[in-house]
Amino acid sequence: MNGSRTGRSLRAMRGPGRARLRGRLSAAGAALVLALLAGGCSAGSPRAAAGGAARSGVVSAVGAENQYANVLSQIGGRYVRAAAILSNPNTDPHTFESSPAVAEEVSSAEIIVQNGAGYDGFMNKIESASSSGRRIIVVQRLLGLPDDTPNPHLWYDPRAMPAAARAMADDLSALLPGHAAYFRANLAAFDASLQPWDQAMAAFRADHPAVAAATTEPVADYLLQAMGMDNLTPFRFQADIMNGVDPSPQDVSLENDLLRGHQVKVFCYNQQVVDALTSSMRATAVRDGVPVVAVYETMPTPGYTYQSWMLAEVAAIRKAVSDHTSTEHL
């Protein structure tokens, strides 16, 4: 399976490790990635973006990744037309090639939500091509994180999506003030819907304190931390895999020892990144009886919302620790 590579330093890395990157989204195929998550009218040209919501009653919104688009659709409901730029698990954000359809979708958007922290820098280039008076929400900034944040997978941080949802409700209310109460009600419902996830993480921390884990990349590291787990994989190894760099032989040996020596209870495996090294480590985990749990960079579809995706990841990790059972695909 092809997969995506992430990380703030990817653009500078073009060596042999980079050659393992799979999946460059072509200009012809980029339009197919646009997944409309809620019906509505087109926002029109970039010049019309600022007043589009007032005229049509529907806000044109874009989430750089489908998890942000999903939450946009939940907060905006019938007053938002939300589209995702990245929803294909085989797409590398750092080799993303825009198309006229994608450029038009972004330029006509009145609200854009992007991750930041170097993960979806391609959005900045697309946005700079037009001078629309759009509102841009950058989750990295909401969390007060620096540009060189080592782990850019912010949506796994339990603080991230509530902050993004509040910013979405604020901007939607500014664009359609007559529906502010509706957006606030949707925000309250969204916050309440996160309680089962919070409770599941708290229950895991109480039942399984300081459980040791290993990972291929820091994709779900924020979630593991919130669950009180101890990731024994050195971050330099995770960062090398994330950035498409060959890890040192010493770090490869250390990672294999964690699995072969049963020093960890679960192996969190980026299902959207598969190469010879990570595949061999997954095989080692399976052979030596370490449960494997799939983690993802874009929300698995169909059938998931952001909330149900996060809850499913916690349930899969609990199943691995409690029942020694793998969940290699959500």
C-alpha atoms as a PDB file:
ATOM      1  CA  MET A   1       0.000   0.000   0.000  1.00  0.00           C
ATOM      2  CA  ASN A   2       1.137   3.457  -0.753  1.00  0.00           C
ATOM      3  CA  GLY A   3       1.259   6.038   1.988  1.00  0.00           C
ATOM      4  CA  SER A   4       1.917   9.608   2.973  1.00  0.00           C
ATOM      5  CA  ARG A   5       4.950  11.127   4.595  1.00  0.00           C
ATOM      6  CA  THR A   6       4.648  14.065   6.954  1.00  0.00           C
ATOM      7  CA  GLY A   7       6.962  16.305   8.957  1.00  0.00           C
ATOM      8  CA  ARG A   8       8.166  19.850   8.918  1.00  0.00           C
ATOM      9  CA  SER A   9      11.556  19.055   7.335  1.00  0.00           C
ATOM     10  CA  LEU A  10      10.337  16.865   4.483  1.00  0.00           C
ATOM     11  CA  ARG A  11      10.691  19.541   1.863  1.00  0.00           C
ATOM     12  CA  ALA A  12      14.421  19.681   2.455  1.00  0.00           C
ATOM     13  CA  MET A  13      14.896  15.928   2.336  1.00  0.00           C
ATOM     14  CA  ARG A  14      15.327  14.419  -1.104  1.00  0.00           C
ATOM     15  CA  GLY A  15      17.846  11.632  -0.433  1.00  0.00           C
ATOM     16  CA  PRO A  16      17.532   7.833  -0.590  1.00  0.00           C
ATOM     17  CA  GLY A  17      15.088   7.742   2.304  1.00  0.00           C
ATOM     18  CA  ARG A  18      12.886  10.194   0.501  1.00  0.00           C
ATOM     19  CA  ALA A  19      12.745   7.779  -2.429  1.00  0.00           C
ATOM     20  CA  ARG A  20      10.549   5.540  -0.318  1.00  0.00           C
ATOM     21  CA  LEU A  21       7.768   8.091  -0.379  1.00  0.00           C
ATOM     22  CA  ARG A  22       4.719   6.683  -2.038  1.00  0.00           C
ATOM     23  CA  GLY A  23       1.977   8.466  -3.886  1.00  0.00           C
ATOM     24  CA  ARG A  24       2.289  11.810  -5.563  1.00  0.00           C
ATOM     25  CA  LEU A  25      -1.112  13.231  -6.266  1.00  0.00           C
ATOM     26  CA  SER A  26      -1.170  14.310  -9.902  1.00  0.00           C
ATOM     27  CA  ALA A  27      -2.837  17.452 -11.108  1.00  0.00           C
ATOM     28  CA  ALA A  28      -5.341  15.347 -13.016  1.00  0.00           C
ATOM     29  CA  GLY A  29      -6.236  13.348  -9.934  1.00  0.00           C
ATOM     30  CA  ALA A  30      -6.237  16.137  -7.391  1.00  0.00           C
ATOM     31  CA  ALA A  31      -9.823  17.105  -8.075  1.00  0.00           C
ATOM     32  CA  LEU A  32     -10.929  13.624  -7.103  1.00  0.00           C
ATOM     33  CA  VAL A  33      -9.623  14.216  -3.582  1.00  0.00           C
ATOM     34  CA  LEU A  34     -12.136  16.993  -2.960  1.00  0.00           C
ATOM     35  CA  ALA A  35     -14.752  15.263  -0.831  1.00  0.00           C
ATOM     36  CA  LEU A  36     -17.819  17.421  -0.285  1.00  0.00           C
ATOM     37  CA  LEU A  37     -19.091  16.676   3.203  1.00  0.00           C
ATOM     38  CA  ALA A  38     -22.210  18.816   3.223  1.00  0.00           C
ATOM     39  CA  GLY A  39     -24.473  19.995   0.399  1.00  0.00           C
ATOM     40  CA  GLY A  40     -24.890  23.604  -0.611  1.00  0.00           C
ATOM     41  CA  CYS A  41     -24.296  26.219  -3.257  1.00  0.00           C
ATOM     42  CA  SER A  42     -21.000  27.108  -4.832  1.00  0.00           C
ATOM     43  CA  ALA A  43     -19.357  30.108  -3.249  1.00  0.00           C
ATOM     44  CA  GLY A  44     -18.374  31.497  -6.634  1.00  0.00           C
ATOM     45  CA  SER A  45     -15.275  33.426  -7.593  1.00  0.00           C
ATOM     46  CA  PRO A  46     -12.560  34.671  -5.219  1.00  0.00           C
ATOM     47  CA  ARG A  47     -13.919  38.223  -5.492  1.00  0.00           C
ATOM     48  CA  ALA A  48     -17.335  36.986  -4.382  1.00  0.00           C
ATOM     49  CA  ALA A  49     -16.060  34.986  -1.416  1.00  0.00           C
ATOM     50  CA  ALA A  50     -16.380  37.691   1.226  1.00  0.00           C
ATOM     51  CA  GLY A  51     -20.061  38.272   0.505  1.00  0.00           C
ATOM     52  CA  GLY A  52     -21.005  34.785  -0.628  1.00  0.00           C
ATOM     53  CA  ALA A  53     -22.437  33.668   2.697  1.00  0.00           C
ATOM     54  CA  ALA A  54     -24.556  36.785   3.059  1.00  0.00           C
ATOM     55  CA  ARG A  55     -26.085  36.279  -0.392  1.00  0.00           C
ATOM     56  CA  SER A  56     -26.539  32.503  -0.443  1.00  0.00           C
ATOM     57  CA  GLY A  57     -26.981  31.781   3.253  1.00  0.00           C
ATOM     58  CA  VAL A  58     -24.354  29.029   2.951  1.00  0.00           C
ATOM     59  CA  VAL A  59     -20.690  29.393   3.894  1.00  0.00           C
ATOM     60  CA  SER A  60     -18.129  27.812   1.592  1.00  0.00           C
ATOM     61  CA  ALA A  61     -15.511  26.161   3.827  1.00  0.00           C
ATOM     62  CA  VAL A  62     -12.431  24.018   3.275  1.00  0.00           C
ATOM     63  CA  GLY A  63     -10.565  21.708   5.613  1.00  0.00           C
ATOM     64  CA  ALA A  64      -7.042  20.939   4.464  1.00  0.00           C
ATOM     65  CA  GLU A  65      -7.527  17.432   5.913  1.00  0.00           C
ATOM     66  CA  ASN A  66     -10.812  15.555   5.989  1.00  0.00           C
ATOM     67  CA  GLN A  67     -10.932  15.419   9.803  1.00  0.00           C
ATOM     68  CA  TYR A  68     -11.107  19.218   9.900  1.00  0.00           C
ATOM     69  CA  ALA A  69     -13.682  19.279   7.110  1.00  0.00           C
ATOM     70  CA  ASN A  70     -15.760  16.771   9.057  1.00  0.00           C
ATOM     71  CA  VAL A  71     -15.854  19.004  12.123  1.00  0.00           C
ATOM     72  CA  LEU A  72     -16.596  22.040   9.943  1.00  0.00           C
ATOM     73  CA  SER A  73     -19.656  20.211   8.656  1.00  0.00           C
ATOM     74  CA  GLN A  74     -20.731  19.341  12.201  1.00  0.00           C
ATOM     75  CA  ILE A  75     -20.450  22.911  13.473  1.00  0.00           C
ATOM     76  CA  GLY A  76     -21.871  24.548  10.359  1.00  0.00           C
ATOM     77  CA  GLY A  77     -24.604  22.020   9.646  1.00  0.00           C
ATOM     78  CA  ARG A  78     -26.980  23.093   6.913  1.00  0.00           C
ATOM     79  CA  TYR A  79     -25.325  26.495   6.619  1.00  0.00           C
ATOM     80  CA  VAL A  80     -21.952  25.174   5.491  1.00  0.00           C
ATOM     81  CA  ARG A  81     -20.654  23.560   2.358  1.00  0.00           C
ATOM     82  CA  ALA A  82     -17.491  21.820   3.598  1.00  0.00           C
ATOM     83  CA  ALA A  83     -14.857  20.247   1.368  1.00  0.00           C
ATOM     84  CA  ALA A  84     -11.650  18.366   2.191  1.00  0.00           C
ATOM     85  CA  ILE A  85      -8.465  18.773   0.174  1.00  0.00           C
ATOM     86  CA  LEU A  86      -6.724  15.704   1.625  1.00  0.00           C
ATOM     87  CA  SER A  87      -8.768  12.588   2.206  1.00  0.00           C
ATOM     88  CA  ASN A  88      -6.763  10.064   0.201  1.00  0.00           C
ATOM     89  CA  PRO A  89      -4.528   7.909   2.455  1.00  0.00           C
ATOM     90  CA  ASN A  90      -2.036   7.559  -0.410  1.00  0.00           C
ATOM     91  CA  THR A  91      -1.357  11.299  -0.625  1.00  0.00           C
ATOM     92  CA  ASP A  92       1.842  12.878   0.692  1.00  0.00           C
ATOM     93  CA  PRO A  93       0.992  16.460   1.750  1.00  0.00           C
ATOM     94  CA  HIS A  94       4.522  17.617   0.928  1.00  0.00           C
ATOM     95  CA  THR A  95       4.372  16.400  -2.663  1.00  0.00           C
ATOM     96  CA  PHE A  96       0.823  17.569  -3.212  1.00  0.00           C
ATOM     97  CA  GLU A  97       0.277  19.073  -6.654  1.00  0.00           C
ATOM     98  CA  SER A  98      -2.675  21.378  -6.921  1.00  0.00           C
ATOM     99  CA  SER A  99      -5.115  21.472  -9.802  1.00  0.00           C
ATOM    100  CA  PRO A 100      -7.392  24.219 -11.101  1.00  0.00           C
ATOM    101  CA  ALA A 101     -10.308  22.572  -9.297  1.00  0.00           C
ATOM    102  CA  VAL A 102      -8.469  22.556  -5.970  1.00  0.00           C
ATOM    103  CA  ALA A 103      -7.235  26.121  -6.473  1.00  0.00           C
ATOM    104  CA  GLU A 104     -10.770  27.288  -7.205  1.00  0.00           C
ATOM    105  CA  GLU A 105     -12.136  25.467  -4.164  1.00  0.00           C
ATOM    106  CA  VAL A 106      -9.601  27.148  -1.901  1.00  0.00           C
ATOM    107  CA  SER A 107      -9.822  30.587  -3.499  1.00  0.00           C
ATOM    108  CA  SER A 108     -13.606  30.658  -3.186  1.00  0.00           C
ATOM    109  CA  ALA A 109     -13.653  29.447   0.412  1.00  0.00           C
ATOM    110  CA  GLU A 110     -14.757  31.877   3.079  1.00  0.00           C
ATOM    111  CA  ILE A 111     -13.321  29.764   5.903  1.00  0.00           C
ATOM    112  CA  ILE A 112     -10.244  27.534   5.697  1.00  0.00           C
ATOM    113  CA  VAL A 113      -9.034  25.248   8.460  1.00  0.00           C
ATOM    114  CA  GLN A 114      -5.529  23.853   8.254  1.00  0.00           C
ATOM    115  CA  ASN A 115      -3.292  21.988  10.633  1.00  0.00           C
ATOM    116  CA  GLY A 116      -0.101  24.047  10.444  1.00  0.00           C
ATOM    117  CA  ALA A 117       3.185  22.944  12.046  1.00  0.00           C
ATOM    118  CA  GLY A 118       4.565  22.288   8.564  1.00  0.00           C
ATOM    119  CA  TYR A 119       2.093  19.505   7.848  1.00  0.00           C
ATOM    120  CA  ASP A 120       0.016  21.168   5.147  1.00  0.00           C
ATOM    121  CA  GLY A 121       2.223  23.995   3.969  1.00  0.00           C
ATOM    122  CA  PHE A 122       0.920  23.499   0.442  1.00  0.00           C
ATOM    123  CA  MET A 123      -2.188  25.385   1.555  1.00  0.00           C
ATOM    124  CA  ASN A 124      -0.204  28.586   2.050  1.00  0.00           C
ATOM    125  CA  LYS A 125       0.894  28.563  -1.570  1.00  0.00           C
ATOM    126  CA  ILE A 126      -2.638  27.997  -2.838  1.00  0.00           C
ATOM    127  CA  GLU A 127      -4.053  30.679  -0.539  1.00  0.00           C
ATOM    128  CA  SER A 128      -1.450  33.248  -1.588  1.00  0.00           C
ATOM    129  CA  ALA A 129      -2.528  32.907  -5.216  1.00  0.00           C
ATOM    130  CA  SER A 130      -5.743  34.808  -4.511  1.00  0.00           C
ATOM    131  CA  SER A 131      -6.580  37.837  -2.389  1.00  0.00           C
ATOM    132  CA  SER A 132      -9.907  36.696  -1.024  1.00  0.00           C
ATOM    133  CA  GLY A 133     -10.946  38.122   2.342  1.00  0.00           C
ATOM    134  CA  ARG A 134     -11.240  34.623   3.749  1.00  0.00           C
ATOM    135  CA  ARG A 135     -10.887  33.580   7.376  1.00  0.00           C
ATOM    136  CA  ILE A 136      -8.058  31.099   7.999  1.00  0.00           C
ATOM    137  CA  ILE A 137      -7.917  28.936  11.107  1.00  0.00           C
ATOM    138  CA  VAL A 138      -4.519  27.372  11.805  1.00  0.00           C
ATOM    139  CA  VAL A 139      -4.760  24.792  14.582  1.00  0.00           C
ATOM    140  CA  GLN A 140      -1.075  25.117  15.452  1.00  0.00           C
ATOM    141  CA  ARG A 141      -1.662  28.774  16.319  1.00  0.00           C
ATOM    142  CA  LEU A 142      -4.759  28.016  18.360  1.00  0.00           C
ATOM    143  CA  LEU A 143      -2.612  25.754  20.526  1.00  0.00           C
ATOM    144  CA  GLY A 144       0.199  28.307  20.772  1.00  0.00           C
ATOM    145  CA  LEU A 145       2.738  25.954  19.218  1.00  0.00           C
ATOM    146  CA  PRO A 146       5.894  27.096  17.407  1.00  0.00           C
ATOM    147  CA  ASP A 147       6.479  26.496  13.719  1.00  0.00           C
ATOM    148  CA  ASP A 148       9.153  23.923  14.505  1.00  0.00           C
ATOM    149  CA  THR A 149       6.829  21.733  16.578  1.00  0.00           C
ATOM    150  CA  PRO A 150       8.427  18.280  16.217  1.00  0.00           C
ATOM    151  CA  ASN A 151       5.174  16.329  15.948  1.00  0.00           C
ATOM    152  CA  PRO A 152       2.684  17.918  13.537  1.00  0.00           C
ATOM    153  CA  HIS A 153      -0.140  15.372  13.980  1.00  0.00           C
ATOM    154  CA  LEU A 154      -2.124  17.789  16.116  1.00  0.00           C
ATOM    155  CA  TRP A 155      -5.588  16.246  15.650  1.00  0.00           C
ATOM    156  CA  TYR A 156      -4.604  13.415  18.018  1.00  0.00           C
ATOM    157  CA  ASP A 157      -4.099  15.979  20.800  1.00  0.00           C
ATOM    158  CA  PRO A 158      -7.351  16.117  22.822  1.00  0.00           C
ATOM    159  CA  ARG A 159      -6.961  19.911  23.063  1.00  0.00           C
ATOM    160  CA  ALA A 160      -6.808  20.480  19.324  1.00  0.00           C
ATOM    161  CA  MET A 161     -10.243  19.816  17.896  1.00  0.00           C
ATOM    162  CA  PRO A 162     -12.236  21.552  20.662  1.00  0.00           C
ATOM    163  CA  ALA A 163     -10.121  24.663  20.054  1.00  0.00           C
ATOM    164  CA  ALA A 164     -10.633  24.349  16.293  1.00  0.00           C
ATOM    165  CA  ALA A 165     -14.381  23.852  16.729  1.00  0.00           C
ATOM    166  CA  ARG A 166     -14.647  27.012  18.854  1.00  0.00           C
ATOM    167  CA  ALA A 167     -12.786  28.997  16.209  1.00  0.00           C
ATOM    168  CA  MET A 168     -15.074  27.571  13.519  1.00  0.00           C
ATOM    169  CA  ALA A 169     -18.182  28.594  15.490  1.00  0.00           C
ATOM    170  CA  ASP A 170     -16.751  32.088  16.004  1.00  0.00           C
ATOM    171  CA  ASP A 171     -15.986  32.607  12.322  1.00  0.00           C
ATOM    172  CA  LEU A 172     -19.277  31.130  11.145  1.00  0.00           C
ATOM    173  CA  SER A 173     -21.127  33.395  13.564  1.00  0.00           C
ATOM    174  CA  ALA A 174     -19.265  36.410  12.206  1.00  0.00           C
ATOM    175  CA  LEU A 175     -20.194  35.513   8.629  1.00  0.00           C
ATOM    176  CA  LEU A 176     -23.804  34.580   9.394  1.00  0.00           C
ATOM    177  CA  PRO A 177     -24.653  36.421  12.635  1.00  0.00           C
ATOM    178  CA  GLY A 178     -28.316  35.568  12.285  1.00  0.00           C
ATOM    179  CA  HIS A 179     -27.466  31.907  12.829  1.00  0.00           C
ATOM    180  CA  ALA A 180     -24.970  32.379  15.674  1.00  0.00           C
ATOM    181  CA  ALA A 181     -27.227  30.573  18.156  1.00  0.00           C
ATOM    182  CA  TYR A 182     -27.415  27.607  15.788  1.00  0.00           C
ATOM    183  CA  PHE A 183     -23.615  27.410  15.531  1.00  0.00           C
ATOM    184  CA  ARG A 184     -23.247  27.734  19.311  1.00  0.00           C
ATOM    185  CA  ALA A 185     -25.719  24.897  19.821  1.00  0.00           C
ATOM    186  CA  ASN A 186     -23.777  22.719  17.373  1.00  0.00           C
ATOM    187  CA  LEU A 187     -20.544  23.591  19.184  1.00  0.00           C
ATOM    188  CA  ALA A 188     -22.073  22.568  22.514  1.00  0.00           C
ATOM    189  CA  ALA A 189     -23.274  19.293  20.971  1.00  0.00           C
ATOM    190  CA  PHE A 190     -19.813  18.668  19.523  1.00  0.00           C
ATOM    191  CA  ASP A 191     -18.104  19.300  22.858  1.00  0.00           C
ATOM    192  CA  ALA A 192     -20.550  16.951  24.579  1.00  0.00           C
ATOM    193  CA  SER A 193     -19.915  14.282  21.954  1.00  0.00           C
ATOM    194  CA  LEU A 194     -16.225  14.254  22.919  1.00  0.00           C
ATOM    195  CA  GLN A 195     -17.023  13.153  26.464  1.00  0.00           C
ATOM    196  CA  PRO A 196     -17.044   9.402  25.661  1.00  0.00           C
ATOM    197  CA  TRP A 197     -13.534   9.808  24.204  1.00  0.00           C
ATOM    198  CA  ASP A 198     -12.339  11.696  27.281  1.00  0.00           C
ATOM    199  CA  GLN A 199     -13.909   9.082  29.543  1.00  0.00           C
ATOM    200  CA  ALA A 200     -12.341   6.223  27.579  1.00  0.00           C
ATOM    201  CA  MET A 201      -8.882   7.791  27.899  1.00  0.00           C
ATOM    202  CA  ALA A 202      -9.382   8.375  31.627  1.00  0.00           C
ATOM    203  CA  ALA A 203     -10.559   4.806  32.163  1.00  0.00           C
ATOM    204  CA  PHE A 204      -7.524   3.471  30.327  1.00  0.00           C
ATOM    205  CA  ARG A 205      -5.159   5.589  32.420  1.00  0.00           C
ATOM    206  CA  ALA A 206      -6.774   4.222  35.590  1.00  0.00           C
ATOM    207  CA  ASP A 207      -6.809   0.593  34.445  1.00  0.00           C
ATOM    208  CA  HIS A 208      -3.437   0.464  32.686  1.00  0.00           C
ATOM    209  CA  PRO A 209      -1.039   3.051  34.112  1.00  0.00           C
ATOM    210  CA  ALA A 210       2.215   3.650  32.224  1.00  0.00           C
ATOM    211  CA  VAL A 211       1.719   0.908  29.649  1.00  0.00           C
ATOM    212  CA  ALA A 212       4.690   0.677  27.293  1.00  0.00           C
ATOM    213  CA  ALA A 213       4.154   1.099  23.553  1.00  0.00           C
ATOM    214  CA  ALA A 214       6.239   1.218  20.389  1.00  0.00           C
ATOM    215  CA  THR A 215       5.462   3.150  17.207  1.00  0.00           C
ATOM    216  CA  THR A 216       6.733   3.588  13.684  1.00  0.00           C
ATOM    217  CA  GLU A 217       6.056   7.342  13.611  1.00  0.00           C
ATOM    218  CA  PRO A 218       4.742   9.985  16.015  1.00  0.00           C
ATOM    219  CA  VAL A 219       1.332   9.896  14.309  1.00  0.00           C
ATOM    220  CA  ALA A 220      -0.640   9.036  17.465  1.00  0.00           C
ATOM    221  CA  ASP A 221       1.912  10.158  20.057  1.00  0.00           C
ATOM    222  CA  TYR A 222      -0.364  12.880  21.450  1.00  0.00           C
ATOM    223  CA  LEU A 223      -3.086  10.285  21.989  1.00  0.00           C
ATOM    224  CA  LEU A 224      -0.692   7.846  23.670  1.00  0.00           C
ATOM    225  CA  GLN A 225       0.440  10.618  25.997  1.00  0.00           C
ATOM    226  CA  ALA A 226      -3.158  11.514  26.849  1.00  0.00           C
ATOM    227  CA  MET A 227      -3.803   7.849  27.664  1.00  0.00           C
ATOM    228  CA  GLY A 228      -0.859   7.833  30.068  1.00  0.00           C
ATOM    229  CA  MET A 229       1.220   5.466  27.955  1.00  0.00           C
ATOM    230  CA  ASP A 230       5.004   5.312  27.718  1.00  0.00           C
ATOM    231  CA  ASN A 231       6.271   5.280  24.130  1.00  0.00           C
ATOM    232  CA  LEU A 232       9.640   3.521  24.261  1.00  0.00           C
ATOM    233  CA  THR A 233      10.492   4.163  20.607  1.00  0.00           C
ATOM    234  CA  PRO A 234      13.129   6.930  20.494  1.00  0.00           C
ATOM    235  CA  PHE A 235      11.740  10.071  18.917  1.00  0.00           C
ATOM    236  CA  ARG A 236      14.714  10.299  16.569  1.00  0.00           C
ATOM    237  CA  PHE A 237      13.632   6.960  15.059  1.00  0.00           C
ATOM    238  CA  GLN A 238      10.021   8.128  14.726  1.00  0.00           C
ATOM    239  CA  ALA A 239      11.146  11.405  13.151  1.00  0.00           C
ATOM    240  CA  ASP A 240      13.398   9.614  10.664  1.00  0.00           C
ATOM    241  CA  ILE A 241      10.535   7.398   9.506  1.00  0.00           C
ATOM    242  CA  MET A 242       8.183  10.402   9.384  1.00  0.00           C
ATOM    243  CA  ASN A 243      10.676  12.418   7.345  1.00  0.00           C
ATOM    244  CA  GLY A 244      11.589   9.672   4.909  1.00  0.00           C
ATOM    245  CA  VAL A 245      15.107   9.263   6.290  1.00  0.00           C
ATOM    246  CA  ASP A 246      16.774   5.900   6.887  1.00  0.00           C
ATOM    247  CA  PRO A 247      17.055   5.388  10.675  1.00  0.00           C
ATOM    248  CA  SER A 248      20.424   4.435  12.090  1.00  0.00           C
ATOM    249  CA  PRO A 249      21.161   0.707  12.404  1.00  0.00           C
ATOM    250  CA  GLN A 250      21.343   1.189  16.162  1.00  0.00           C
ATOM    251  CA  ASP A 251      17.823   2.622  16.314  1.00  0.00           C
ATOM    252  CA  VAL A 252      16.474  -0.100  14.046  1.00  0.00           C
ATOM    253  CA  SER A 253      18.018  -2.704  16.337  1.00  0.00           C
ATOM    254  CA  LEU A 254      16.573  -0.998  19.401  1.00  0.00           C
ATOM    255  CA  GLU A 255      13.086  -0.937  17.872  1.00  0.00           C
ATOM    256  CA  ASN A 256      13.271  -4.598  16.950  1.00  0.00           C
ATOM    257  CA  ASP A 257      14.452  -5.452  20.464  1.00  0.00           C
ATOM    258  CA  LEU A 258      11.383  -3.735  21.921  1.00  0.00           C
ATOM    259  CA  LEU A 259       9.195  -6.073  19.906  1.00  0.00           C
ATOM    260  CA  ARG A 260      11.196  -9.281  20.145  1.00  0.00           C
ATOM    261  CA  GLY A 261      11.802  -8.824  23.857  1.00  0.00           C
ATOM    262  CA  HIS A 262       8.120  -8.136  24.609  1.00  0.00           C
ATOM    263  CA  GLN A 263       9.079  -4.854  26.238  1.00  0.00           C
ATOM    264  CA  VAL A 264       5.911  -3.218  24.888  1.00  0.00           C
ATOM    265  CA  LYS A 265       2.228  -4.120  25.038  1.00  0.00           C
ATOM    266  CA  VAL A 266       1.209  -2.592  21.704  1.00  0.00           C
ATOM    267  CA  PHE A 267       2.785  -1.530  18.423  1.00  0.00           C
ATOM    268  CA  CYS A 268       1.079   1.492  16.838  1.00  0.00           C
ATOM    269  CA  TYR A 269       1.611   1.233  13.113  1.00  0.00           C
ATOM    270  CA  ASN A 270       0.937   3.984  10.577  1.00  0.00           C
ATOM    271  CA  GLN A 271      -1.377   2.154   8.206  1.00  0.00           C
ATOM    272  CA  GLN A 272      -0.929   4.881   5.585  1.00  0.00           C
ATOM    273  CA  VAL A 273       2.835   4.470   5.413  1.00  0.00           C
ATOM    274  CA  VAL A 274       4.181   1.120   4.295  1.00  0.00           C
ATOM    275  CA  ASP A 275       7.728   0.423   3.214  1.00  0.00           C
ATOM    276  CA  ALA A 276      10.121  -2.476   3.603  1.00  0.00           C
ATOM    277  CA  LEU A 277      11.360  -1.359   7.025  1.00  0.00           C
ATOM    278  CA  THR A 278       8.019  -0.644   8.655  1.00  0.00           C
ATOM    279  CA  SER A 279       6.506  -3.752   7.077  1.00  0.00           C
ATOM    280  CA  SER A 280       9.296  -5.898   8.497  1.00  0.00           C
ATOM    281  CA  MET A 281       8.715  -4.420  11.938  1.00  0.00           C
ATOM    282  CA  ARG A 282       5.002  -5.103  11.732  1.00  0.00           C
ATOM    283  CA  ALA A 283       5.835  -8.685  10.770  1.00  0.00           C
ATOM    284  CA  THR A 284       8.184  -8.930  13.749  1.00  0.00           C
ATOM    285  CA  ALA A 285       5.455  -7.682  16.085  1.00  0.00           C
ATOM    286  CA  VAL A 286       2.950 -10.188  14.709  1.00  0.00           C
ATOM    287  CA  ARG A 287       5.423 -13.067  14.866  1.00  0.00           C
ATOM    288  CA  ASP A 288       6.437 -12.263  18.437  1.00  0.00           C
ATOM    289  CA  GLY A 289       2.932 -11.719  19.724  1.00  0.00           C
ATOM    290  CA  VAL A 290       2.883  -7.941  20.128  1.00  0.00           C
ATOM    291  CA  PRO A 291      -0.567  -6.648  19.120  1.00  0.00           C
ATOM    292  CA  VAL A 292      -0.577  -4.174  16.222  1.00  0.00           C
ATOM    293  CA  VAL A 293      -2.935  -1.179  16.159  1.00  0.00           C
ATOM    294  CA  ALA A 294      -3.436   0.831  12.981  1.00  0.00           C
ATOM    295  CA  VAL A 295      -3.251   4.614  13.235  1.00  0.00           C
ATOM    296  CA  TYR A 296      -4.102   7.033  10.438  1.00  0.00           C
ATOM    297  CA  GLU A 297      -3.170  10.509   9.221  1.00  0.00           C
ATOM    298  CA  THR A 298      -6.491  11.252   7.555  1.00  0.00           C
ATOM    299  CA  MET A 299      -9.823  10.126   8.926  1.00  0.00           C
ATOM    300  CA  PRO A 300     -10.785   6.652   7.708  1.00  0.00           C
ATOM    301  CA  THR A 301     -13.835   6.847   5.482  1.00  0.00           C
ATOM    302  CA  PRO A 302     -16.612   6.037   5.066  1.00  0.00           C
ATOM    303  CA  GLY A 303     -18.371   5.485   8.330  1.00  0.00           C
ATOM    304  CA  TYR A 304     -16.403   7.686  10.730  1.00  0.00           C
ATOM    305  CA  THR A 305     -16.731  11.093  12.273  1.00  0.00           C
ATOM    306  CA  TYR A 306     -13.785  12.681  14.040  1.00  0.00           C
ATOM    307  CA  GLN A 307     -15.222  11.628  17.403  1.00  0.00           C
ATOM    308  CA  SER A 308     -15.909   8.019  16.457  1.00  0.00           C
ATOM    309  CA  TRP A 309     -12.451   7.742  14.860  1.00  0.00           C
ATOM    310  CA  MET A 310     -10.670   8.877  18.022  1.00  0.00           C
ATOM    311  CA  LEU A 311     -12.856   6.633  20.181  1.00  0.00           C
ATOM    312  CA  ALA A 312     -12.124   3.691  17.882  1.00  0.00           C
ATOM    313  CA  GLU A 313      -8.372   4.243  18.242  1.00  0.00           C
ATOM    314  CA  VAL A 314      -8.645   4.197  22.050  1.00  0.00           C
ATOM    315  CA  ALA A 315     -10.817   1.073  21.907  1.00  0.00           C
ATOM    316  CA  ALA A 316      -8.298  -0.660  19.642  1.00  0.00           C
ATOM    317  CA  ILE A 317      -5.413   0.171  21.989  1.00  0.00           C
ATOM    318  CA  ARG A 318      -7.386  -1.061  25.001  1.00  0.00           C
ATOM    319  CA  LYS A 319      -8.210  -4.267  23.134  1.00  0.00           C
ATOM    320  CA  ALA A 320      -4.527  -4.755  22.365  1.00  0.00           C
ATOM    321  CA  VAL A 321      -3.472  -4.250  25.984  1.00  0.00           C
ATOM    322  CA  SER A 322      -6.356  -6.096  27.650  1.00  0.00           C
ATOM    323  CA  ASP A 323      -7.040  -8.902  25.172  1.00  0.00           C
ATOM    324  CA  HIS A 324      -3.729  -9.080  23.256  1.00  0.00           C
ATOM    325  CA  THR A 325      -5.690  -8.599  20.026  1.00  0.00           C
ATOM    326  CA  SER A 326      -4.521  -6.664  16.971  1.00  0.00           C
ATOM    327  CA  THR A 327      -6.584  -4.127  15.038  1.00  0.00           C
ATOM    328  CA  GLU A 328      -4.626  -3.740  11.832  1.00  0.00           C
ATOM    329  CA  HIS A 329      -7.425  -1.826  10.065  1.00  0.00           C
ATOM    330  CA  LEU A 330     -10.171   0.304  11.589  1.00  0.00           C
END
